[in-house]
Protein backbone atom coordinates (compact mmCIF):
# COMPACT_ATOMS: atom_id res chain seq x y z
CA MET A 1 87.39 135.89 120.14
CA HIS A 2 86.02 139.20 118.54
CA GLU A 3 86.52 138.07 115.03
CA LEU A 4 84.36 134.68 115.50
CA ALA A 5 81.94 137.29 117.91
CA ALA A 6 81.35 139.52 115.13
CA TRP A 7 81.18 136.93 112.40
CA LEU A 8 77.98 135.39 114.64
CA ARG A 9 76.07 138.69 114.52
CA ARG A 10 76.63 138.26 110.33
CA PRO A 11 76.81 135.05 109.40
CA ASP A 12 77.89 133.51 106.48
CA PRO A 13 79.91 130.49 105.50
CA VAL A 14 81.85 132.38 103.16
CA THR A 15 84.08 134.90 105.49
CA PHE A 16 84.07 132.55 108.60
CA PRO A 17 87.43 133.44 110.85
CA TYR A 18 89.56 130.88 109.87
CA ASP A 19 92.76 132.27 110.40
CA ALA A 20 91.75 133.82 113.65
CA VAL A 21 90.10 130.44 115.34
CA LEU A 22 92.88 128.17 114.02
CA ASP A 23 95.69 130.51 115.55
CA ARG A 24 94.10 130.40 118.35
CA VAL A 25 93.00 126.57 118.44
CA HIS A 26 96.90 125.62 117.60
CA SER A 27 98.44 128.38 120.02
CA VAL A 28 96.97 125.61 123.14
CA GLY A 29 96.53 122.48 120.94
CA LYS A 30 92.89 121.06 120.67
CA HIS A 31 92.92 119.31 123.64
CA PHE A 32 93.23 122.42 125.67
CA VAL A 33 91.01 124.72 124.08
CA PRO A 34 89.41 127.06 126.43
CA PRO A 35 85.35 126.58 126.91
CA ASN A 36 83.91 129.72 126.12
CA LEU A 37 86.04 129.23 122.22
CA LEU A 38 84.20 126.01 121.95
CA ALA A 39 80.92 127.35 123.34
CA SER A 40 80.99 129.66 120.49
CA LEU A 41 81.96 127.62 117.92
CA ASP A 42 79.24 125.83 119.16
CA ARG A 43 76.77 128.49 118.70
CA ALA A 44 78.45 128.83 115.25
CA ARG A 45 77.51 125.31 114.36
CA ALA A 46 73.89 125.96 115.58
CA THR A 47 73.78 129.46 113.40
CA LEU A 48 74.74 127.60 110.42
CA GLY A 49 71.80 124.64 110.33
CA THR A 50 72.19 122.39 107.55
CA PRO A 51 74.71 123.64 104.84
CA VAL A 52 73.61 124.59 101.41
CA ASP A 53 76.75 125.41 99.63
CA SER A 54 80.35 123.76 99.48
CA ALA A 55 81.36 126.80 101.33
CA GLY A 56 78.46 125.79 104.29
CA GLN A 57 79.64 121.90 104.05
CA ARG A 58 83.70 123.25 104.17
CA LEU A 59 82.28 125.12 107.33
CA ALA A 60 80.01 122.32 108.83
CA THR A 61 82.91 119.60 108.68
CA PHE A 62 85.41 121.72 109.95
CA LEU A 63 83.70 122.81 113.27
CA SER A 64 82.84 119.00 113.09
CA THR A 65 86.53 118.47 113.31
CA ALA A 66 86.81 121.23 115.75
CA LEU A 67 83.92 120.46 118.16
CA ASP A 68 84.40 116.39 118.31
CA LYS A 69 86.10 116.58 122.05
CA TRP A 70 83.46 119.08 122.88
CA ASP A 71 80.87 116.00 121.53
CA ASN A 72 82.55 113.21 123.25
CA ARG A 73 83.00 111.77 120.30
CA PHE A 74 86.58 112.39 119.59
CA ASP A 75 87.75 109.22 117.66
CA ASN A 76 90.48 108.48 114.52
CA PRO A 77 88.42 110.46 111.71
CA SER A 78 87.84 113.19 113.52
CA TYR A 79 91.28 113.61 114.56
CA LEU A 80 92.52 113.03 111.52
CA ALA A 81 89.94 115.07 109.98
CA PHE A 82 89.19 112.69 106.90
CA GLU A 83 86.13 114.16 106.18
CA GLN A 84 88.21 117.04 105.30
CA LEU A 85 89.93 115.30 102.63
CA PRO A 86 89.60 114.52 99.15
CA LEU A 87 90.28 111.21 98.90
CA PRO A 88 90.68 108.91 96.58
CA GLY A 89 86.92 106.91 95.63
CA THR A 90 84.78 110.48 96.50
CA GLY A 91 83.77 113.00 93.92
CA TYR A 92 84.33 113.15 90.78
CA ARG A 93 83.95 109.18 88.93
CA ALA A 94 84.21 108.31 92.41
CA GLY A 95 84.47 104.43 91.59
CA CYS A 96 87.02 104.78 88.68
CA PRO A 97 90.83 103.68 89.73
CA ASN A 98 92.50 105.62 86.96
CA GLN A 99 90.55 108.51 89.09
CA ALA A 100 91.78 107.30 92.31
CA ALA A 101 95.33 107.09 91.18
CA LEU A 102 95.43 110.67 90.36
CA GLN A 103 93.23 111.90 93.60
CA HIS A 104 96.14 109.41 95.98
CA ASP A 105 99.22 111.20 93.99
CA ARG A 106 97.87 114.59 94.27
CA LEU A 107 96.63 114.42 97.89
CA PHE A 108 99.45 112.20 99.18
CA VAL A 109 101.90 115.10 97.42
CA LEU A 110 100.03 117.62 99.40
CA LEU A 111 100.09 115.43 102.70
CA VAL A 112 103.57 114.96 102.62
CA ALA A 113 104.93 118.75 101.32
CA ASP A 114 102.90 120.24 103.76
CA LEU A 115 104.85 117.79 106.82
CA LEU A 116 107.83 119.19 105.28
CA ARG A 117 106.96 122.57 105.22
CA PHE A 118 106.03 122.27 109.01
CA GLU A 119 109.90 120.66 109.59
CA ILE A 120 111.33 123.43 107.93
CA GLU A 121 109.46 126.25 109.06
CA VAL A 122 110.76 125.17 112.66
CA ALA A 123 113.71 124.48 111.39
CA ASP A 124 113.71 128.58 109.87
CA GLY A 125 113.21 129.85 113.57
CA ALA A 126 109.13 129.50 113.96
CA THR A 127 107.82 128.25 116.93
CA TRP A 128 104.87 126.48 116.55
CA LEU A 129 104.41 123.57 118.25
CA PRO A 130 107.23 123.88 120.79
CA GLU A 131 107.75 120.78 122.71
CA ILE A 132 110.38 118.19 122.09
CA ALA A 133 111.24 119.52 118.95
CA PRO A 134 114.08 117.51 117.12
CA ASP A 135 117.33 119.00 116.36
CA ALA A 136 118.82 120.09 112.92
CA ARG A 137 120.46 116.38 111.78
CA ILE A 138 116.54 114.96 112.34
CA THR A 139 115.41 118.07 110.74
CA ALA A 140 117.54 117.27 107.71
CA LYS A 141 116.70 113.54 107.65
CA ARG A 142 113.14 114.01 107.69
CA CYS A 143 113.64 116.12 104.83
CA ARG A 144 115.24 113.64 102.57
CA LEU A 145 113.03 111.15 103.59
CA GLY A 146 109.66 112.98 103.18
CA VAL A 147 111.31 113.81 99.52
CA ARG A 148 112.14 110.16 98.46
CA ALA A 149 108.71 108.86 99.86
CA MET A 150 107.20 111.55 97.16
CA ARG A 151 109.54 111.46 94.28
CA PRO A 152 107.47 108.72 92.39
CA ALA A 153 104.12 110.57 92.44
CA LEU A 154 105.74 113.94 91.78
CA ALA A 155 107.17 112.36 88.75
CA ARG A 156 103.75 110.58 87.66
CA MET A 157 102.57 114.08 87.75
CA GLY A 158 104.90 115.39 85.76
CA VAL A 159 106.43 118.09 88.56
CA GLU A 160 110.48 118.05 87.82
CA VAL A 161 112.51 119.66 90.43
CA GLU A 162 116.30 119.90 89.84
CA PRO A 163 117.85 120.59 93.46
CA THR A 164 120.42 123.59 93.15
CA SER A 165 122.03 122.29 97.02
CA GLY A 166 122.76 118.69 98.16
CA ASP A 167 121.27 120.11 101.66
CA PRO A 168 118.40 118.22 101.94
CA ILE A 169 116.88 120.98 103.78
CA GLU A 170 117.50 123.49 100.84
CA VAL A 171 115.97 120.18 98.58
CA ALA A 172 112.97 119.86 100.26
CA ARG A 173 112.64 123.59 100.48
CA GLN A 174 112.89 123.51 96.69
CA VAL A 175 110.33 120.75 95.95
CA CYS A 176 108.09 122.59 98.63
CA ALA A 177 108.28 125.42 96.17
CA ALA A 178 107.61 123.96 93.78
CA ILE A 179 104.50 121.96 95.22
CA ALA A 180 103.46 125.16 96.19
CA SER A 181 103.12 127.01 93.28
CA ASP A 182 100.37 124.44 92.00
CA THR A 183 98.42 124.48 94.91
CA THR A 184 94.90 125.91 94.70
CA PRO A 185 94.00 128.46 97.39
CA SER A 186 91.24 125.45 97.86
CA GLU A 187 93.74 122.69 98.35
CA ARG A 188 95.31 125.07 100.62
CA LEU A 189 92.86 125.76 102.92
CA THR A 190 92.14 122.08 102.97
CA LEU A 191 95.50 121.62 104.72
CA ASP A 192 94.66 124.20 106.91
CA LEU A 193 91.63 122.50 108.11
CA SER A 194 92.91 119.36 108.50
CA ALA A 195 95.81 119.53 110.87
CA LEU A 196 94.37 120.28 114.51
CA PRO A 197 96.72 118.50 116.93
CA VAL A 198 95.67 118.06 120.17
CA SER A 199 99.10 119.35 121.66
CA LEU A 200 102.30 121.22 121.62
CA VAL A 201 104.03 118.55 121.13
CA HIS A 202 106.34 118.93 117.59
CA ASP A 203 105.97 115.80 115.94
CA GLU A 204 102.47 115.33 116.06
CA TYR A 205 102.21 117.73 113.02
CA MET A 206 104.45 114.94 111.31
CA PHE A 207 102.16 112.30 112.73
CA MET A 208 99.03 113.13 111.66
CA ARG A 209 100.32 114.08 107.87
CA VAL A 210 102.10 110.31 107.75
CA LEU A 211 98.34 108.87 109.16
CA GLN A 212 96.76 111.59 106.84
CA ALA A 213 98.95 109.90 103.83
CA TYR A 214 98.33 105.81 104.78
CA GLU A 215 94.33 106.68 104.08
CA SER A 216 94.42 108.15 101.27
CA THR A 217 96.73 105.51 99.86
CA PHE A 218 94.06 102.61 101.11
CA ALA A 219 91.58 104.76 99.87
CA MET A 220 92.98 104.27 96.61
CA VAL A 221 93.76 101.08 97.24
CA ALA A 222 90.27 99.82 98.13
CA VAL A 223 89.18 101.26 95.21
CA GLN A 224 91.21 99.38 92.90
CA LEU A 225 90.37 96.15 94.61
CA SER A 226 86.80 96.85 93.82
CA ALA A 227 87.97 97.33 89.80
CA ALA A 228 89.64 94.28 90.56
CA ILE A 229 86.51 92.29 91.60
CA SER A 230 84.99 93.83 88.98
CA ALA A 231 87.04 92.62 86.42
CA ILE A 232 87.52 89.20 87.81
CA GLN A 233 83.69 88.66 87.42
CA ARG A 234 83.61 89.47 83.78
CA GLY A 235 86.15 87.48 83.19
CA ARG A 236 89.05 89.85 82.64
CA ALA A 237 91.91 87.90 84.88
CA GLY A 238 94.36 90.53 83.22
CA ALA A 239 92.66 93.32 83.81
CA ALA A 240 92.49 92.52 87.56
CA ALA A 241 96.28 91.74 87.83
CA LEU A 242 96.78 95.22 86.05
CA VAL A 243 94.74 97.58 88.77
CA LEU A 244 96.60 94.81 91.90
CA ALA A 245 99.50 95.79 90.36
CA GLU A 246 98.82 99.52 90.66
CA ALA A 247 97.29 98.65 94.50
CA GLU A 248 100.78 96.87 95.18
CA ARG A 249 103.11 99.81 94.03
CA ALA A 250 101.00 102.81 95.70
CA MET A 251 100.76 100.28 99.55
CA GLY A 252 104.82 99.93 98.65
CA GLU A 253 105.45 103.67 97.81
CA ALA A 254 103.94 104.36 100.99
CA GLY A 255 105.54 101.99 102.93
CA LEU A 256 108.60 104.18 103.03
CA LEU A 257 106.66 107.23 105.20
CA PHE A 258 107.42 104.70 108.26
CA SER A 259 110.93 105.64 107.90
CA ILE A 260 109.97 109.44 109.10
CA VAL A 261 107.76 108.00 111.66
CA ALA A 262 110.59 106.16 112.85
CA THR A 263 112.58 109.53 113.62
CA MET A 264 110.51 110.07 116.47
CA ARG A 265 111.30 110.30 119.85
CA THR A 266 109.22 107.97 122.03
CA GLU A 267 109.08 111.13 124.76
CA ALA A 268 106.96 112.80 121.84
CA PHE A 269 105.05 109.97 120.64
CA LEU A 270 104.30 109.20 124.07
CA THR A 271 103.40 112.95 124.96
CA PHE A 272 100.65 113.79 122.55
CA ARG A 273 99.52 110.94 122.83
CA GLU A 274 98.06 111.10 126.51
CA PHE A 275 95.32 113.27 124.67
CA THR A 276 94.48 110.95 121.62
CA ASP A 277 92.62 108.69 124.01
CA GLY A 278 89.29 107.92 121.91
CA ALA A 279 91.12 107.80 118.33
CA SER A 280 93.35 104.97 116.88
CA ALA A 281 93.68 103.83 113.97
CA ILE A 282 91.92 100.43 114.74
CA GLN A 283 89.01 103.05 113.30
CA SER A 284 90.87 103.70 110.56
CA ARG A 285 87.92 102.95 107.89
CA HIS A 286 89.79 102.51 104.55
CA TYR A 287 91.91 99.94 105.99
CA LYS A 288 89.15 97.77 107.42
CA LEU A 289 87.54 98.53 103.51
CA MET A 290 90.62 97.51 101.87
CA GLU A 291 91.07 94.27 103.64
CA SER A 292 87.65 93.02 103.79
CA LEU A 293 87.46 93.54 99.62
CA CYS A 294 90.29 90.81 99.89
CA ARG A 295 88.51 88.33 101.10
CA ARG A 296 85.43 88.11 104.23
CA PRO A 297 87.50 88.44 107.68
CA ASP A 298 87.03 85.32 109.67
CA ALA A 299 84.39 85.66 112.25
CA PRO A 300 87.13 85.98 115.01
CA ARG A 301 88.24 88.94 113.66
CA LEU A 302 84.82 90.23 112.07
CA ASP A 303 83.51 90.06 115.73
CA SER A 304 86.74 91.76 117.27
CA PRO A 305 86.76 95.55 118.30
CA ALA A 306 89.13 95.01 114.98
CA TYR A 307 85.60 95.52 112.95
CA HIS A 308 83.18 97.20 115.61
CA SER A 309 84.88 99.62 115.49
CA VAL A 310 84.21 100.46 111.51
CA PRO A 311 80.23 99.67 111.54
CA PRO A 312 80.05 100.87 107.88
CA VAL A 313 82.93 98.09 107.00
CA ARG A 314 81.30 95.23 109.08
CA ALA A 315 78.13 96.15 107.74
CA ARG A 316 78.88 95.78 103.95
CA VAL A 317 80.80 92.43 105.15
CA LEU A 318 77.92 91.17 106.93
CA ALA A 319 75.94 91.85 104.10
CA ASP A 320 78.36 89.43 101.39
CA GLN A 321 79.97 91.74 99.86
CA PRO A 322 82.06 90.38 96.88
CA THR A 323 85.59 89.75 97.77
CA VAL A 324 88.93 88.99 95.20
CA SER A 325 88.47 85.83 96.58
CA SER A 326 84.95 85.06 96.14
CA ALA A 327 85.26 86.22 92.40
CA LEU A 328 88.22 84.68 92.15
CA ALA A 329 86.81 80.85 93.14
CA ALA A 330 83.52 81.46 91.24
CA ALA A 331 85.07 82.57 87.67
CA ARG A 332 87.57 79.48 88.09
CA THR A 333 84.18 77.57 89.00
CA ALA A 334 82.71 79.11 86.05
CA GLY A 335 85.81 77.99 83.75
CA VAL A 336 85.94 81.99 82.49
CA LEU A 337 89.34 82.51 83.33
CA ASP A 338 92.21 82.53 80.78
CA PRO A 339 95.27 80.16 82.07
CA GLU A 340 97.44 81.99 81.20
CA LEU A 341 96.07 85.56 82.62
CA ASP A 342 94.89 83.63 85.50
CA ALA A 343 98.27 82.76 86.86
CA LEU A 344 99.27 86.48 85.50
CA LEU A 345 96.59 87.09 88.40
CA THR A 346 97.49 84.83 90.53
CA ALA A 347 101.52 86.45 90.34
CA SER A 348 99.85 90.29 91.15
CA MET A 349 97.93 88.89 93.78
CA GLU A 350 101.42 87.25 95.45
CA ARG A 351 103.20 90.52 95.15
CA PHE A 352 100.12 92.60 96.85
CA GLU A 353 99.56 90.12 99.64
CA ALA A 354 103.66 90.04 100.50
CA VAL A 355 103.86 94.08 100.69
CA LEU A 356 101.03 94.10 102.61
CA LEU A 357 101.95 91.77 105.06
CA ARG A 358 105.66 93.72 105.06
CA TRP A 359 103.92 97.30 105.87
CA ARG A 360 102.00 95.28 108.42
CA LYS A 361 105.34 93.55 110.01
CA THR A 362 106.70 97.75 110.07
CA HIS A 363 103.84 98.65 111.57
CA TYR A 364 104.51 96.49 113.79
CA ARG A 365 107.96 96.78 115.02
CA LEU A 366 107.32 100.41 115.20
CA ALA A 367 104.49 100.16 117.89
CA VAL A 368 106.69 97.95 119.50
CA ARG A 369 109.86 100.90 120.04
CA MET A 370 107.02 103.32 120.53
CA LEU A 371 104.69 101.71 123.18
CA GLY A 372 106.18 98.56 124.84
CA GLU A 373 103.50 96.92 126.92
CA ARG A 374 101.28 99.94 126.92
CA ARG A 375 97.82 99.29 126.24
CA GLY A 376 96.20 101.16 122.61
CA THR A 377 94.21 104.54 122.46
CA GLY A 378 91.29 102.39 120.29
CA TYR A 379 90.69 99.98 123.54
CA THR A 380 92.67 97.94 122.64
CA GLU A 381 95.81 95.63 123.61
CA GLY A 382 98.06 97.99 121.61
CA VAL A 383 101.02 95.84 120.08
CA PRO A 384 99.47 92.13 121.29
CA TYR A 385 96.26 93.58 119.44
CA LEU A 386 98.83 94.29 116.18
CA ASP A 387 100.91 91.26 116.78
CA GLY A 388 97.49 88.87 116.53
CA GLY A 389 96.87 90.73 112.92
CA ARG A 390 100.75 91.02 111.10
CA GLY A 391 100.32 87.11 110.27
CA ILE A 392 96.60 87.55 108.96
CA SER A 393 96.44 85.79 105.38
CA VAL A 394 95.46 89.03 102.80
CA PHE A 395 93.35 86.44 100.58
CA GLY A 396 92.65 83.15 102.54
CA ALA A 397 92.87 79.90 102.27
CA GLY A 398 91.36 79.29 99.21
CA CYS A 399 93.78 81.36 97.45
CA PRO A 400 96.56 78.77 95.66
CA MET A 401 99.45 80.62 97.24
CA ALA A 402 97.99 81.25 100.45
CA GLY A 403 99.68 78.58 102.58
CA LYS A 404 102.94 79.64 100.66
CA LEU A 405 102.64 83.49 102.07
CA ASP A 406 101.08 82.21 105.86
CA SER A 407 104.29 80.36 106.09
CA ALA A 408 105.61 83.42 104.86
CA ALA A 409 104.48 85.33 107.22
């Protein structure tokens, strides 16, 4: 590739030929990138060295994602380019729940809008990722479901779109145009660099964007749970109830994305899945962080692939990080909670647990349809693994509603 060769002669992170490299990777799928291009990208990484500014850091992150298979370290975080994404809980005011909610809404909308943009472009005749493309009926359904999933966040962001057509594709086109008009060049580049499908199967793009949107939600909920723990430790049960309500809302809204995934043909999923071995949702750091902030996982789960796949989270658990359950038990023992606000907090915990159990149930049902008896890509049993985890109590036996929720699960 002459653009990359020219850059190697005069390397500068600001002038890296992202467009040319992305076009080449997208033309074949990351799993099939020619070795000579991978070798050139490896040279670029060596030439870059330790980045000293934001442009260098962005390039280093992109090269790390692009070379994960070359390095034999392909996994879920690299497949979905999480390091490229401004996930809630990172950057400015990282631990602030309000900031995390703002970060989540913007990233969620950008990701879902980009998913719809891709669907619309294909409906308009684009040929990128041409294999097993959906028909017009499915495209229209995805557009309708995607707009529905974005509406709550768009309302909070103050983005109002009055559709001039009843056609779902045209409505989605107008919504995407409104979002694009407010998207910065840096955000557009982030979207471009975080989409490196391994195949040419059309639906892989949708699949990746949905998983990225879910990770954003899990990250946001983890910040809310940390804030709830801090509030409980200070005897502020009402404040804890409020942030748990935000977490419940976010999980409920994100659950709408399952309807989009459900439009994917099993044939499409199994075709691109052949090239994602080693990358599995079991490696979702923020899902496990969210789970472990609710309560300490039982010993068998902590010693299972579920947590061995996320060493930083497991280390936090082993270091006895505080949880909602442990903080609540300590606060009740100390008698520092107002009884009425304690009841309000309990109700918020019940609602959050219910929405998370519902999320697990829907995930399991989709996996049954898509996977059947096939093993998981994270070296798990696949569907049996999900079946074993979907009824695990979120807040544990120490919570007053645990028995009621366990029996309902």
